[in-house]
Amino acid sequence: MYKKLIFLICIAGLLTPLSLSWGENNGFRNSKWGMTKEEVTALEIKMDPVEVNKNRIRYKTQILGRNVELI
């Protein structure tokens, strides 16, 4: 019983990265890995960034009705 469970967990762990890569064309809020800060900022037309520095852009927004920081 436990061997089957461990086997299923291992298979799920191997298949998870494949399923995550299927959504490669639809990144979070149309952003994609590797975009420049300018490209990301241009996509977020409804928000102004709270902080922009060498390594990140930070916004304060709401996702699913919760106040969050989007970095």
Protein backbone atom coordinates (compact mmCIF):
# COMPACT_ATOMS: atom_id res chain seq x y z
CA MET A 1 0.00 0.00 0.00
CA TYR A 2 2.70 2.48 1.02
CA LYS A 3 4.86 1.59 -1.97
CA LYS A 4 1.98 2.45 -4.32
CA LEU A 5 1.42 5.75 -2.54
CA ILE A 6 5.10 6.68 -2.73
CA PHE A 7 5.14 5.68 -6.41
CA LEU A 8 2.11 7.91 -7.14
CA ILE A 9 3.68 10.83 -5.30
CA CYS A 10 6.89 10.45 -7.31
CA ILE A 11 4.97 10.31 -10.61
CA ALA A 12 2.97 13.41 -9.64
CA GLY A 13 6.22 15.20 -8.76
CA LEU A 14 7.67 14.36 -12.16
CA LEU A 15 4.57 15.43 -14.10
CA THR A 16 3.92 18.69 -12.24
CA PRO A 17 6.65 20.70 -14.04
CA LEU A 18 5.24 19.54 -17.37
CA SER A 19 1.75 20.76 -16.52
CA LEU A 20 3.10 24.10 -15.29
CA SER A 21 4.94 24.70 -18.55
CA TRP A 22 1.74 24.26 -20.59
CA GLY A 23 0.58 27.69 -19.42
CA GLU A 24 3.82 29.27 -20.60
CA ASN A 25 2.05 31.63 -23.02
CA ASN A 26 -0.29 32.94 -20.33
CA GLY A 27 1.88 34.37 -17.57
CA PHE A 28 0.55 36.23 -14.56
CA ARG A 29 -1.35 39.28 -15.84
CA ASN A 30 0.10 38.67 -19.33
CA SER A 31 3.69 39.00 -18.11
CA LYS A 32 6.25 36.41 -19.09
CA TRP A 33 9.59 35.35 -17.63
CA GLY A 34 12.43 37.36 -19.10
CA MET A 35 10.49 40.57 -19.77
CA THR A 36 12.21 43.85 -18.98
CA LYS A 37 10.97 46.10 -16.19
CA GLU A 38 9.74 48.56 -18.79
CA GLU A 39 7.68 45.87 -20.54
CA VAL A 40 6.09 44.76 -17.26
CA THR A 41 5.33 48.33 -16.21
CA ALA A 42 3.70 48.99 -19.59
CA LEU A 43 1.37 46.00 -19.06
CA GLU A 44 0.17 47.28 -15.69
CA ILE A 45 -1.71 50.28 -17.06
CA LYS A 46 -4.12 50.50 -14.12
CA MET A 47 -1.42 50.66 -11.44
CA ASP A 48 1.57 52.80 -10.67
CA PRO A 49 4.54 51.01 -9.09
CA VAL A 50 5.24 51.74 -5.43
CA GLU A 51 8.94 50.94 -5.83
CA VAL A 52 11.21 50.42 -8.82
CA ASN A 53 14.84 49.49 -8.28
CA LYS A 54 17.57 47.54 -10.04
CA ASN A 55 16.12 44.11 -9.24
CA ARG A 56 12.36 44.49 -8.88
CA ILE A 57 9.13 46.39 -9.38
CA ARG A 58 6.68 46.46 -6.46
CA TYR A 59 2.96 47.24 -6.62
CA LYS A 60 0.24 47.33 -3.98
CA THR A 61 -2.95 45.80 -5.36
CA GLN A 62 -5.80 43.39 -4.67
CA ILE A 63 -5.91 39.78 -5.79
CA LEU A 64 -9.06 37.78 -5.03
CA GLY A 65 -10.26 40.55 -2.74
CA ARG A 66 -7.11 40.60 -0.59
CA ASN A 67 -4.62 43.44 -0.28
CA VAL A 68 -1.24 42.17 -1.47
CA GLU A 69 2.13 43.35 -2.63
CA LEU A 70 2.90 42.25 -6.16
CA ILE A 71 6.65 42.01 -6.77
